[in-house]
Amino acid sequence: MEKSYYTIKEICDKLDLKPHVIRYWETEFTRLKRNSKRGSTAVYTPKELELIKQIKELICVRKFTLEGAKAEIKKRRHEQKNAKNNVVSDANIEKKSISMNIREELIAIKNILLRGVQT
């Protein structure tokens, strides 16, 4: 079961990172924002945890520079938005196609009824 928030200690333990590294990344990556809960305890959402995982993978594993990691994350986000828009667009096309089929069937029924009334 996924938690609704994680403390910085939990993230550090889970990802084998130091708190100062995450705090530094907060200053460099605008999408990475901690929230305060119960006083001054920093907490992160599951989305932010996923972003920290991506940053770690890009910087620590794939050896991207900070600027390169920022660009890659921006590119991935843009691709996700495009993929989501394509799914919505495909759904709209399908709905339009169904609507056109229904319209054609209703016109056919109307013509049949009109022929029956005229005879």
PDB file of N, CA and C in Angstrom:
ATOM      1  N   MET A   1       0.844  -1.186   0.000  1.00  0.00           N
ATOM      2  CA  MET A   1       0.000   0.000   0.000  1.00  0.00           C
ATOM      3  C   MET A   1       0.884   1.243   0.000  1.00  0.00           C
ATOM      4  N   GLU A   2       0.577   2.139  -0.872  1.00  0.00           N
ATOM      5  CA  GLU A   2       1.368   3.356  -1.017  1.00  0.00           C
ATOM      6  C   GLU A   2       0.942   4.383   0.034  1.00  0.00           C
ATOM      7  N   LYS A   3       1.935   5.011   0.637  1.00  0.00           N
ATOM      8  CA  LYS A   3       1.663   6.040   1.623  1.00  0.00           C
ATOM      9  C   LYS A   3       1.275   7.331   0.918  1.00  0.00           C
ATOM     10  N   SER A   4       0.602   8.216   1.652  1.00  0.00           N
ATOM     11  CA  SER A   4       0.226   9.494   1.052  1.00  0.00           C
ATOM     12  C   SER A   4       1.351  10.519   1.179  1.00  0.00           C
ATOM     13  N   TYR A   5       2.306  10.262   2.076  1.00  0.00           N
ATOM     14  CA  TYR A   5       3.470  11.126   2.177  1.00  0.00           C
ATOM     15  C   TYR A   5       4.625  10.363   2.809  1.00  0.00           C
ATOM     16  N   TYR A   6       5.836  10.860   2.556  1.00  0.00           N
ATOM     17  CA  TYR A   6       7.061  10.257   3.076  1.00  0.00           C
ATOM     18  C   TYR A   6       7.910  11.353   3.716  1.00  0.00           C
ATOM     19  N   THR A   7       8.545  11.012   4.823  1.00  0.00           N
ATOM     20  CA  THR A   7       9.479  11.960   5.425  1.00  0.00           C
ATOM     21  C   THR A   7      10.793  11.891   4.656  1.00  0.00           C
ATOM     22  N   ILE A   8      11.604  12.890   4.844  1.00  0.00           N
ATOM     23  CA  ILE A   8      12.899  12.905   4.169  1.00  0.00           C
ATOM     24  C   ILE A   8      13.751  11.725   4.631  1.00  0.00           C
ATOM     25  N   LYS A   9      13.611  11.347   5.898  1.00  0.00           N
ATOM     26  CA  LYS A   9      14.370  10.196   6.410  1.00  0.00           C
ATOM     27  C   LYS A   9      13.940   8.906   5.699  1.00  0.00           C
ATOM     28  N   GLU A  10      12.645   8.736   5.502  1.00  0.00           N
ATOM     29  CA  GLU A  10      12.158   7.545   4.805  1.00  0.00           C
ATOM     30  C   GLU A  10      12.692   7.495   3.373  1.00  0.00           C
ATOM     31  N   ILE A  11      12.685   8.623   2.715  1.00  0.00           N
ATOM     32  CA  ILE A  11      13.186   8.669   1.340  1.00  0.00           C
ATOM     33  C   ILE A  11      14.682   8.375   1.314  1.00  0.00           C
ATOM     34  N   CYS A  12      15.414   8.983   2.246  1.00  0.00           N
ATOM     35  CA  CYS A  12      16.863   8.749   2.306  1.00  0.00           C
ATOM     36  C   CYS A  12      17.168   7.279   2.540  1.00  0.00           C
ATOM     37  N   ASP A  13      16.434   6.657   3.451  1.00  0.00           N
ATOM     38  CA  ASP A  13      16.640   5.231   3.733  1.00  0.00           C
ATOM     39  C   ASP A  13      16.272   4.375   2.528  1.00  0.00           C
ATOM     40  N   LYS A  14      15.158   4.711   1.893  1.00  0.00           N
ATOM     41  CA  LYS A  14      14.659   3.932   0.751  1.00  0.00           C
ATOM     42  C   LYS A  14      15.583   4.033  -0.465  1.00  0.00           C
ATOM     43  N   LEU A  15      16.131   5.236  -0.698  1.00  0.00           N
ATOM     44  CA  LEU A  15      16.910   5.475  -1.916  1.00  0.00           C
ATOM     45  C   LEU A  15      18.415   5.584  -1.677  1.00  0.00           C
ATOM     46  N   ASP A  16      18.824   5.384  -0.444  1.00  0.00           N
ATOM     47  CA  ASP A  16      20.244   5.478  -0.078  1.00  0.00           C
ATOM     48  C   ASP A  16      20.819   6.836  -0.490  1.00  0.00           C
ATOM     49  N   LEU A  17      20.170   7.882  -0.002  1.00  0.00           N
ATOM     50  CA  LEU A  17      20.612   9.253  -0.250  1.00  0.00           C
ATOM     51  C   LEU A  17      20.786   9.976   1.080  1.00  0.00           C
ATOM     52  N   LYS A  18      21.514  11.051   1.053  1.00  0.00           N
ATOM     53  CA  LYS A  18      21.692  11.903   2.224  1.00  0.00           C
ATOM     54  C   LYS A  18      20.680  13.052   2.144  1.00  0.00           C
ATOM     55  N   PRO A  19      20.187  13.518   3.297  1.00  0.00           N
ATOM     56  CA  PRO A  19      19.209  14.610   3.272  1.00  0.00           C
ATOM     57  C   PRO A  19      19.711  15.862   2.564  1.00  0.00           C
ATOM     58  N   HIS A  20      20.984  16.183   2.719  1.00  0.00           N
ATOM     59  CA  HIS A  20      21.480  17.402   2.071  1.00  0.00           C
ATOM     60  C   HIS A  20      21.439  17.301   0.547  1.00  0.00           C
ATOM     61  N   VAL A  21      21.533  16.094   0.020  1.00  0.00           N
ATOM     62  CA  VAL A  21      21.452  15.903  -1.432  1.00  0.00           C
ATOM     63  C   VAL A  21      20.038  16.228  -1.909  1.00  0.00           C
ATOM     64  N   ILE A  22      19.053  15.713  -1.198  1.00  0.00           N
ATOM     65  CA  ILE A  22      17.658  15.984  -1.574  1.00  0.00           C
ATOM     66  C   ILE A  22      17.361  17.471  -1.432  1.00  0.00           C
ATOM     67  N   ARG A  23      17.827  18.065  -0.364  1.00  0.00           N
ATOM     68  CA  ARG A  23      17.612  19.506  -0.155  1.00  0.00           C
ATOM     69  C   ARG A  23      18.255  20.321  -1.293  1.00  0.00           C
ATOM     70  N   TYR A  24      19.429  19.902  -1.728  1.00  0.00           N
ATOM     71  CA  TYR A  24      20.087  20.595  -2.846  1.00  0.00           C
ATOM     72  C   TYR A  24      19.265  20.419  -4.122  1.00  0.00           C
ATOM     73  N   TRP A  25      18.795  19.215  -4.373  1.00  0.00           N
ATOM     74  CA  TRP A  25      17.983  18.977  -5.563  1.00  0.00           C
ATOM     75  C   TRP A  25      16.715  19.827  -5.543  1.00  0.00           C
ATOM     76  N   GLU A  26      16.182  20.084  -4.346  1.00  0.00           N
ATOM     77  CA  GLU A  26      14.997  20.947  -4.241  1.00  0.00           C
ATOM     78  C   GLU A  26      15.277  22.341  -4.808  1.00  0.00           C
ATOM     79  N   THR A  27      16.497  22.809  -4.631  1.00  0.00           N
ATOM     80  CA  THR A  27      16.845  24.143  -5.129  1.00  0.00           C
ATOM     81  C   THR A  27      17.056  24.135  -6.638  1.00  0.00           C
ATOM     82  N   GLU A  28      17.387  22.991  -7.198  1.00  0.00           N
ATOM     83  CA  GLU A  28      17.689  22.887  -8.626  1.00  0.00           C
ATOM     84  C   GLU A  28      16.501  22.460  -9.478  1.00  0.00           C
ATOM     85  N   PHE A  29      15.611  21.658  -8.929  1.00  0.00           N
ATOM     86  CA  PHE A  29      14.474  21.120  -9.683  1.00  0.00           C
ATOM     87  C   PHE A  29      13.192  21.746  -9.137  1.00  0.00           C
ATOM     88  N   THR A  30      12.598  22.632  -9.921  1.00  0.00           N
ATOM     89  CA  THR A  30      11.449  23.409  -9.440  1.00  0.00           C
ATOM     90  C   THR A  30      10.233  22.539  -9.128  1.00  0.00           C
ATOM     91  N   ARG A  31      10.099  21.405  -9.766  1.00  0.00           N
ATOM     92  CA  ARG A  31       8.954  20.526  -9.511  1.00  0.00           C
ATOM     93  C   ARG A  31       9.099  19.763  -8.203  1.00  0.00           C
ATOM     94  N   LEU A  32      10.280  19.749  -7.636  1.00  0.00           N
ATOM     95  CA  LEU A  32      10.524  19.022  -6.384  1.00  0.00           C
ATOM     96  C   LEU A  32      10.331  19.991  -5.225  1.00  0.00           C
ATOM     97  N   LYS A  33       9.200  19.847  -4.553  1.00  0.00           N
ATOM     98  CA  LYS A  33       8.881  20.745  -3.445  1.00  0.00           C
ATOM     99  C   LYS A  33       8.455  19.914  -2.249  1.00  0.00           C
ATOM    100  N   ARG A  34       9.028  20.210  -1.121  1.00  0.00           N
ATOM    101  CA  ARG A  34       8.596  19.517   0.083  1.00  0.00           C
ATOM    102  C   ARG A  34       7.471  20.310   0.718  1.00  0.00           C
ATOM    103  N   ASN A  35       6.667  19.599   1.465  1.00  0.00           N
ATOM    104  CA  ASN A  35       5.586  20.219   2.216  1.00  0.00           C
ATOM    105  C   ASN A  35       5.921  20.070   3.693  1.00  0.00           C
ATOM    106  N   SER A  36       5.368  20.925   4.506  1.00  0.00           N
ATOM    107  CA  SER A  36       5.582  20.797   5.948  1.00  0.00           C
ATOM    108  C   SER A  36       4.334  20.201   6.580  1.00  0.00           C
ATOM    109  N   LYS A  37       4.548  19.253   7.444  1.00  0.00           N
ATOM    110  CA  LYS A  37       3.444  18.604   8.141  1.00  0.00           C
ATOM    111  C   LYS A  37       3.829  18.531   9.606  1.00  0.00           C
ATOM    112  N   ARG A  38       2.915  18.871  10.444  1.00  0.00           N
ATOM    113  CA  ARG A  38       3.159  18.833  11.889  1.00  0.00           C
ATOM    114  C   ARG A  38       4.444  19.567  12.253  1.00  0.00           C
ATOM    115  N   GLY A  39       4.395  20.852  12.128  1.00  0.00           N
ATOM    116  CA  GLY A  39       5.583  21.625  12.472  1.00  0.00           C
ATOM    117  C   GLY A  39       6.505  21.777  11.294  1.00  0.00           C
ATOM    118  N   SER A  40       7.750  21.464  11.515  1.00  0.00           N
ATOM    119  CA  SER A  40       8.743  21.687  10.461  1.00  0.00           C
ATOM    120  C   SER A  40       9.201  20.400   9.783  1.00  0.00           C
ATOM    121  N   THR A  41       8.486  19.299   9.994  1.00  0.00           N
ATOM    122  CA  THR A  41       8.867  18.047   9.354  1.00  0.00           C
ATOM    123  C   THR A  41       8.586  18.121   7.856  1.00  0.00           C
ATOM    124  N   ALA A  42       9.596  17.882   7.073  1.00  0.00           N
ATOM    125  CA  ALA A  42       9.439  17.901   5.618  1.00  0.00           C
ATOM    126  C   ALA A  42       8.844  16.582   5.164  1.00  0.00           C
ATOM    127  N   VAL A  43       7.821  16.655   4.344  1.00  0.00           N
ATOM    128  CA  VAL A  43       7.213  15.454   3.784  1.00  0.00           C
ATOM    129  C   VAL A  43       7.090  15.605   2.274  1.00  0.00           C
ATOM    130  N   TYR A  44       7.077  14.470   1.609  1.00  0.00           N
ATOM    131  CA  TYR A  44       7.026  14.424   0.150  1.00  0.00           C
ATOM    132  C   TYR A  44       5.906  13.483  -0.277  1.00  0.00           C
ATOM    133  N   THR A  45       5.240  13.833  -1.355  1.00  0.00           N
ATOM    134  CA  THR A  45       4.172  13.005  -1.901  1.00  0.00           C
ATOM    135  C   THR A  45       4.779  11.853  -2.711  1.00  0.00           C
ATOM    136  N   PRO A  46       3.979  10.833  -3.035  1.00  0.00           N
ATOM    137  CA  PRO A  46       4.482   9.760  -3.900  1.00  0.00           C
ATOM    138  C   PRO A  46       4.994  10.264  -5.254  1.00  0.00           C
ATOM    139  N   LYS A  47       4.374  11.313  -5.813  1.00  0.00           N
ATOM    140  CA  LYS A  47       4.866  11.886  -7.078  1.00  0.00           C
ATOM    141  C   LYS A  47       6.263  12.456  -6.899  1.00  0.00           C
ATOM    142  N   GLU A  48       6.470  13.138  -5.772  1.00  0.00           N
ATOM    143  CA  GLU A  48       7.791  13.718  -5.509  1.00  0.00           C
ATOM    144  C   GLU A  48       8.819  12.617  -5.264  1.00  0.00           C
ATOM    145  N   LEU A  49       8.399  11.533  -4.599  1.00  0.00           N
ATOM    146  CA  LEU A  49       9.296  10.389  -4.416  1.00  0.00           C
ATOM    147  C   LEU A  49       9.718   9.828  -5.760  1.00  0.00           C
ATOM    148  N   GLU A  50       8.763   9.717  -6.672  1.00  0.00           N
ATOM    149  CA  GLU A  50       9.072   9.213  -8.017  1.00  0.00           C
ATOM    150  C   GLU A  50      10.033  10.153  -8.737  1.00  0.00           C
ATOM    151  N   LEU A  51       9.839  11.447  -8.578  1.00  0.00           N
ATOM    152  CA  LEU A  51      10.732  12.423  -9.193  1.00  0.00           C
ATOM    153  C   LEU A  51      12.144  12.299  -8.612  1.00  0.00           C
ATOM    154  N   ILE A  52      12.247  12.126  -7.310  1.00  0.00           N
ATOM    155  CA  ILE A  52      13.566  11.950  -6.682  1.00  0.00           C
ATOM    156  C   ILE A  52      14.240  10.696  -7.216  1.00  0.00           C
ATOM    157  N   LYS A  53      13.476   9.629  -7.408  1.00  0.00           N
ATOM    158  CA  LYS A  53      14.030   8.394  -7.992  1.00  0.00           C
ATOM    159  C   LYS A  53      14.577   8.668  -9.393  1.00  0.00           C
ATOM    160  N   GLN A  54      13.816   9.415 -10.191  1.00  0.00           N
ATOM    161  CA  GLN A  54      14.260   9.739 -11.545  1.00  0.00           C
ATOM    162  C   GLN A  54      15.534  10.575 -11.523  1.00  0.00           C
ATOM    163  N   ILE A  55      15.562  11.565 -10.647  1.00  0.00           N
ATOM    164  CA  ILE A  55      16.742  12.433 -10.549  1.00  0.00           C
ATOM    165  C   ILE A  55      17.955  11.599 -10.149  1.00  0.00           C
ATOM    166  N   LYS A  56      17.772  10.724  -9.170  1.00  0.00           N
ATOM    167  CA  LYS A  56      18.893   9.887  -8.716  1.00  0.00           C
ATOM    168  C   LYS A  56      19.382   8.998  -9.861  1.00  0.00           C
ATOM    169  N   GLU A  57      18.447   8.402 -10.569  1.00  0.00           N
ATOM    170  CA  GLU A  57      18.831   7.510 -11.678  1.00  0.00           C
ATOM    171  C   GLU A  57      19.609   8.288 -12.738  1.00  0.00           C
ATOM    172  N   LEU A  58      19.139   9.483 -13.068  1.00  0.00           N
ATOM    173  CA  LEU A  58      19.805  10.272 -14.100  1.00  0.00           C
ATOM    174  C   LEU A  58      21.181  10.763 -13.653  1.00  0.00           C
ATOM    175  N   ILE A  59      21.274  11.281 -12.441  1.00  0.00           N
ATOM    176  CA  ILE A  59      22.524  11.888 -11.983  1.00  0.00           C
ATOM    177  C   ILE A  59      23.516  10.847 -11.471  1.00  0.00           C
ATOM    178  N   CYS A  60      23.049   9.942 -10.629  1.00  0.00           N
ATOM    179  CA  CYS A  60      23.974   9.012  -9.971  1.00  0.00           C
ATOM    180  C   CYS A  60      24.295   7.776 -10.808  1.00  0.00           C
ATOM    181  N   VAL A  61      23.332   7.304 -11.573  1.00  0.00           N
ATOM    182  CA  VAL A  61      23.542   6.072 -12.345  1.00  0.00           C
ATOM    183  C   VAL A  61      23.979   6.379 -13.777  1.00  0.00           C
ATOM    184  N   ARG A  62      23.217   7.238 -14.448  1.00  0.00           N
ATOM    185  CA  ARG A  62      23.502   7.519 -15.855  1.00  0.00           C
ATOM    186  C   ARG A  62      24.482   8.675 -16.045  1.00  0.00           C
ATOM    187  N   LYS A  63      24.885   9.302 -14.936  1.00  0.00           N
ATOM    188  CA  LYS A  63      25.928  10.345 -14.920  1.00  0.00           C
ATOM    189  C   LYS A  63      25.564  11.589 -15.723  1.00  0.00           C
ATOM    190  N   PHE A  64      24.285  11.963 -15.696  1.00  0.00           N
ATOM    191  CA  PHE A  64      23.865  13.208 -16.318  1.00  0.00           C
ATOM    192  C   PHE A  64      24.371  14.367 -15.471  1.00  0.00           C
ATOM    193  N   THR A  65      24.573  15.513 -16.092  1.00  0.00           N
ATOM    194  CA  THR A  65      24.815  16.746 -15.342  1.00  0.00           C
ATOM    195  C   THR A  65      23.463  17.221 -14.807  1.00  0.00           C
ATOM    196  N   LEU A  66      23.484  18.201 -13.925  1.00  0.00           N
ATOM    197  CA  LEU A  66      22.220  18.757 -13.432  1.00  0.00           C
ATOM    198  C   LEU A  66      21.381  19.299 -14.581  1.00  0.00           C
ATOM    199  N   GLU A  67      22.021  20.048 -15.460  1.00  0.00           N
ATOM    200  CA  GLU A  67      21.292  20.617 -16.597  1.00  0.00           C
ATOM    201  C   GLU A  67      20.756  19.517 -17.509  1.00  0.00           C
ATOM    202  N   GLY A  68      21.546  18.498 -17.719  1.00  0.00           N
ATOM    203  CA  GLY A  68      21.102  17.380 -18.545  1.00  0.00           C
ATOM    204  C   GLY A  68      19.935  16.646 -17.921  1.00  0.00           C
ATOM    205  N   ALA A  69      19.986  16.464 -16.609  1.00  0.00           N
ATOM    206  CA  ALA A  69      18.889  15.799 -15.905  1.00  0.00           C
ATOM    207  C   ALA A  69      17.618  16.637 -15.976  1.00  0.00           C
ATOM    208  N   LYS A  70      17.763  17.945 -15.805  1.00  0.00           N
ATOM    209  CA  LYS A  70      16.599  18.834 -15.916  1.00  0.00           C
ATOM    210  C   LYS A  70      15.963  18.722 -17.298  1.00  0.00           C
ATOM    211  N   ALA A  71      16.807  18.740 -18.312  1.00  0.00           N
ATOM    212  CA  ALA A  71      16.304  18.655 -19.691  1.00  0.00           C
ATOM    213  C   ALA A  71      15.620  17.311 -19.940  1.00  0.00           C
ATOM    214  N   GLU A  72      16.198  16.235 -19.434  1.00  0.00           N
ATOM    215  CA  GLU A  72      15.616  14.897 -19.618  1.00  0.00           C
ATOM    216  C   GLU A  72      14.269  14.777 -18.916  1.00  0.00           C
ATOM    217  N   ILE A  73      14.187  15.302 -17.712  1.00  0.00           N
ATOM    218  CA  ILE A  73      12.921  15.248 -16.973  1.00  0.00           C
ATOM    219  C   ILE A  73      11.862  16.079 -17.681  1.00  0.00           C
ATOM    220  N   LYS A  74      12.256  17.234 -18.177  1.00  0.00           N
ATOM    221  CA  LYS A  74      11.324  18.082 -18.926  1.00  0.00           C
ATOM    222  C   LYS A  74      10.847  17.357 -20.182  1.00  0.00           C
ATOM    223  N   LYS A  75      11.770  16.694 -20.872  1.00  0.00           N
ATOM    224  CA  LYS A  75      11.435  15.938 -22.087  1.00  0.00           C
ATOM    225  C   LYS A  75      10.458  14.810 -21.760  1.00  0.00           C
ATOM    226  N   ARG A  76      10.735  14.078 -20.681  1.00  0.00           N
ATOM    227  CA  ARG A  76       9.845  12.975 -20.286  1.00  0.00           C
ATOM    228  C   ARG A  76       8.459  13.485 -19.943  1.00  0.00           C
ATOM    229  N   ARG A  77       8.404  14.604 -19.226  1.00  0.00           N
ATOM    230  CA  ARG A  77       7.119  15.178 -18.844  1.00  0.00           C
ATOM    231  C   ARG A  77       6.340  15.589 -20.090  1.00  0.00           C
ATOM    232  N   HIS A  78       7.037  16.202 -21.047  1.00  0.00           N
ATOM    233  CA  HIS A  78       6.404  16.610 -22.299  1.00  0.00           C
ATOM    234  C   HIS A  78       5.872  15.383 -23.052  1.00  0.00           C
ATOM    235  N   GLU A  79       6.646  14.318 -23.092  1.00  0.00           N
ATOM    236  CA  GLU A  79       6.217  13.087 -23.769  1.00  0.00           C
ATOM    237  C   GLU A  79       4.992  12.481 -23.088  1.00  0.00           C
ATOM    238  N   GLN A  80       4.970  12.521 -21.746  1.00  0.00           N
ATOM    239  CA  GLN A  80       3.814  11.991 -21.021  1.00  0.00           C
ATOM    240  C   GLN A  80       2.562  12.802 -21.331  1.00  0.00           C
ATOM    241  N   LYS A  81       2.715  14.133 -21.386  1.00  0.00           N
ATOM    242  CA  LYS A  81       1.570  14.983 -21.720  1.00  0.00           C
ATOM    243  C   LYS A  81       1.068  14.670 -23.122  1.00  0.00           C
ATOM    244  N   ASN A  82       1.998  14.518 -24.077  1.00  0.00           N
ATOM    245  CA  ASN A  82       1.605  14.212 -25.450  1.00  0.00           C
ATOM    246  C   ASN A  82       0.902  12.861 -25.533  1.00  0.00           C
ATOM    247  N   ALA A  83       1.425  11.871 -24.816  1.00  0.00           N
ATOM    248  CA  ALA A  83       0.803  10.547 -24.818  1.00  0.00           C
ATOM    249  C   ALA A  83      -0.605  10.631 -24.242  1.00  0.00           C
ATOM    250  N   LYS A  84      -0.761  11.392 -23.173  1.00  0.00           N
ATOM    251  CA  LYS A  84      -2.081  11.556 -22.550  1.00  0.00           C
ATOM    252  C   LYS A  84      -3.027  12.262 -23.512  1.00  0.00           C
ATOM    253  N   ASN A  85      -2.544  13.302 -24.181  1.00  0.00           N
ATOM    254  CA  ASN A  85      -3.374  14.020 -25.149  1.00  0.00           C
ATOM    255  C   ASN A  85      -3.768  13.122 -26.311  1.00  0.00           C
ATOM    256  N   ASN A  86      -2.853  12.249 -26.745  1.00  0.00           N
ATOM    257  CA  ASN A  86      -3.168  11.326 -27.838  1.00  0.00           C
ATOM    258  C   ASN A  86      -4.253  10.343 -27.427  1.00  0.00           C
ATOM    259  N   VAL A  87      -4.216   9.880 -26.185  1.00  0.00           N
ATOM    260  CA  VAL A  87      -5.239   8.951 -25.697  1.00  0.00           C
ATOM    261  C   VAL A  87      -6.590   9.657 -25.681  1.00  0.00           C
ATOM    262  N   VAL A  88      -6.614  10.891 -25.184  1.00  0.00           N
ATOM    263  CA  VAL A  88      -7.859  11.666 -25.167  1.00  0.00           C
ATOM    264  C   VAL A  88      -8.336  11.910 -26.587  1.00  0.00           C
ATOM    265  N   SER A  89      -7.420  12.244 -27.480  1.00  0.00           N
ATOM    266  CA  SER A  89      -7.773  12.498 -28.873  1.00  0.00           C
ATOM    267  C   SER A  89      -8.347  11.236 -29.521  1.00  0.00           C
ATOM    268  N   ASP A  90      -7.714  10.093 -29.274  1.00  0.00           N
ATOM    269  CA  ASP A  90      -8.214   8.828 -29.818  1.00  0.00           C
ATOM    270  C   ASP A  90      -9.612   8.522 -29.286  1.00  0.00           C
ATOM    271  N   ALA A  91      -9.838   8.800 -28.011  1.00  0.00           N
ATOM    272  CA  ALA A  91     -11.152   8.560 -27.418  1.00  0.00           C
ATOM    273  C   ALA A  91     -12.191   9.475 -28.050  1.00  0.00           C
ATOM    274  N   ASN A  92     -11.824  10.729 -28.302  1.00  0.00           N
ATOM    275  CA  ASN A  92     -12.746  11.669 -28.936  1.00  0.00           C
ATOM    276  C   ASN A  92     -13.076  11.243 -30.363  1.00  0.00           C
ATOM    277  N   ILE A  93     -12.080  10.751 -31.088  1.00  0.00           N
ATOM    278  CA  ILE A  93     -12.309  10.272 -32.455  1.00  0.00           C
ATOM    279  C   ILE A  93     -13.265   9.090 -32.440  1.00  0.00           C
ATOM    280  N   GLU A  94     -13.055   8.193 -31.487  1.00  0.00           N
ATOM    281  CA  GLU A  94     -13.932   7.018 -31.380  1.00  0.00           C
ATOM    282  C   GLU A  94     -15.359   7.451 -31.048  1.00  0.00           C
ATOM    283  N   LYS A  95     -15.524   8.390 -30.130  1.00  0.00           N
ATOM    284  CA  LYS A  95     -16.857   8.884 -29.776  1.00  0.00           C
ATOM    285  C   LYS A  95     -17.519   9.532 -30.982  1.00  0.00           C
ATOM    286  N   LYS A  96     -16.738  10.315 -31.732  1.00  0.00           N
ATOM    287  CA  LYS A  96     -17.281  10.985 -32.912  1.00  0.00           C
ATOM    288  C   LYS A  96     -17.727   9.951 -33.941  1.00  0.00           C
ATOM    289  N   SER A  97     -16.945   8.902 -34.105  1.00  0.00           N
ATOM    290  CA  SER A  97     -17.288   7.843 -35.057  1.00  0.00           C
ATOM    291  C   SER A  97     -18.580   7.145 -34.641  1.00  0.00           C
ATOM    292  N   ILE A  98     -18.703   6.867 -33.360  1.00  0.00           N
ATOM    293  CA  ILE A  98     -19.926   6.232 -32.850  1.00  0.00           C
ATOM    294  C   ILE A  98     -21.115   7.160 -33.057  1.00  0.00           C
ATOM    295  N   SER A  99     -20.912   8.449 -32.779  1.00  0.00           N
ATOM    296  CA  SER A  99     -21.992   9.424 -32.965  1.00  0.00           C
ATOM    297  C   SER A  99     -22.431   9.483 -34.424  1.00  0.00           C
ATOM    298  N   MET A 100     -21.466   9.454 -35.330  1.00  0.00           N
ATOM    299  CA  MET A 100     -21.794   9.484 -36.755  1.00  0.00           C
ATOM    300  C   MET A 100     -22.587   8.236 -37.148  1.00  0.00           C
ATOM    301  N   ASN A 101     -22.195   7.082 -36.644  1.00  0.00           N
ATOM    302  CA  ASN A 101     -22.929   5.842 -36.942  1.00  0.00           C
ATOM    303  C   ASN A 101     -24.365   5.919 -36.426  1.00  0.00           C
ATOM    304  N   ILE A 102     -24.522   6.418 -35.206  1.00  0.00           N
ATOM    305  CA  ILE A 102     -25.864   6.558 -34.628  1.00  0.00           C
ATOM    306  C   ILE A 102     -26.692   7.523 -35.460  1.00  0.00           C
ATOM    307  N   ARG A 103     -26.078   8.634 -35.873  1.00  0.00           N
ATOM    308  CA  ARG A 103     -26.768   9.625 -36.692  1.00  0.00           C
ATOM    309  C   ARG A 103     -27.242   9.005 -37.998  1.00  0.00           C
ATOM    310  N   GLU A 104     -26.370   8.254 -38.638  1.00  0.00           N
ATOM    311  CA  GLU A 104     -26.729   7.604 -39.904  1.00  0.00           C
ATOM    312  C   GLU A 104     -27.874   6.613 -39.702  1.00  0.00           C
ATOM    313  N   GLU A 105     -27.843   5.871 -38.607  1.00  0.00           N
ATOM    314  CA  GLU A 105     -28.918   4.916 -38.323  1.00  0.00           C
ATOM    315  C   GLU A 105     -30.236   5.635 -38.071  1.00  0.00           C
ATOM    316  N   LEU A 106     -30.177   6.761 -37.337  1.00  0.00           N
ATOM    317  CA  LEU A 106     -31.400   7.530 -37.077  1.00  0.00           C
ATOM    318  C   LEU A 106     -31.982   8.109 -38.363  1.00  0.00           C
ATOM    319  N   ILE A 107     -31.121   8.574 -39.268  1.00  0.00           N
ATOM    320  CA  ILE A 107     -31.591   9.093 -40.561  1.00  0.00           C
ATOM    321  C   ILE A 107     -32.254   7.975 -41.355  1.00  0.00           C
ATOM    322  N   ALA A 108     -31.657   6.793 -41.325  1.00  0.00           N
ATOM    323  CA  ALA A 108     -32.242   5.646 -42.036  1.00  0.00           C
ATOM    324  C   ALA A 108     -33.616   5.297 -41.454  1.00  0.00           C
ATOM    325  N   ILE A 109     -33.713   5.305 -40.130  1.00  0.00           N
ATOM    326  CA  ILE A 109     -34.996   5.008 -39.481  1.00  0.00           C
ATOM    327  C   ILE A 109     -36.026   6.074 -39.841  1.00  0.00           C
ATOM    328  N   LYS A 110     -35.609   7.335 -39.823  1.00  0.00           N
ATOM    329  CA  LYS A 110     -36.511   8.439 -40.181  1.00  0.00           C
ATOM    330  C   LYS A 110     -37.023   8.259 -41.603  1.00  0.00           C
ATOM    331  N   ASN A 111     -36.142   7.895 -42.526  1.00  0.00           N
ATOM    332  CA  ASN A 111     -36.552   7.698 -43.924  1.00  0.00           C
ATOM    333  C   ASN A 111     -37.538   6.548 -44.053  1.00  0.00           C
ATOM    334  N   ILE A 112     -37.288   5.485 -43.295  1.00  0.00           N
ATOM    335  CA  ILE A 112     -38.213   4.335 -43.327  1.00  0.00           C
ATOM    336  C   ILE A 112     -39.580   4.763 -42.816  1.00  0.00           C
ATOM    337  N   LEU A 113     -39.607   5.513 -41.718  1.00  0.00           N
ATOM    338  CA  LEU A 113     -40.860   5.967 -41.148  1.00  0.00           C
ATOM    339  C   LEU A 113     -41.597   6.916 -42.093  1.00  0.00           C
ATOM    340  N   LEU A 114     -40.822   7.804 -42.722  1.00  0.00           N
ATOM    341  CA  LEU A 114     -41.455   8.749 -43.658  1.00  0.00           C
ATOM    342  C   LEU A 114     -42.059   8.000 -44.847  1.00  0.00           C
ATOM    343  N   ARG A 115     -41.380   6.972 -45.332  1.00  0.00           N
ATOM    344  CA  ARG A 115     -41.929   6.185 -46.442  1.00  0.00           C
ATOM    345  C   ARG A 115     -43.215   5.478 -46.014  1.00  0.00           C
ATOM    346  N   GLY A 116     -43.255   5.021 -44.781  1.00  0.00           N
ATOM    347  CA  GLY A 116     -44.446   4.335 -44.287  1.00  0.00           C
ATOM    348  C   GLY A 116     -45.619   5.283 -44.158  1.00  0.00           C
ATOM    349  N   VAL A 117     -45.395   6.524 -43.796  1.00  0.00           N
ATOM    350  CA  VAL A 117     -46.439   7.512 -43.648  1.00  0.00           C
ATOM    351  C   VAL A 117     -46.969   7.944 -45.009  1.00  0.00           C
ATOM    352  N   GLN A 118     -46.092   8.026 -46.013  1.00  0.00           N
ATOM    353  CA  GLN A 118     -46.477   8.485 -47.345  1.00  0.00           C
ATOM    354  C   GLN A 118     -47.297   7.438 -48.093  1.00  0.00           C
ATOM    355  N   THR A 119     -47.217   6.166 -47.752  1.00  0.00           N
ATOM    356  CA  THR A 119     -47.949   5.146 -48.502  1.00  0.00           C
ATOM    357  C   THR A 119     -49.311   4.883 -47.972  1.00  0.00           C
TER     358      THR A 119
END
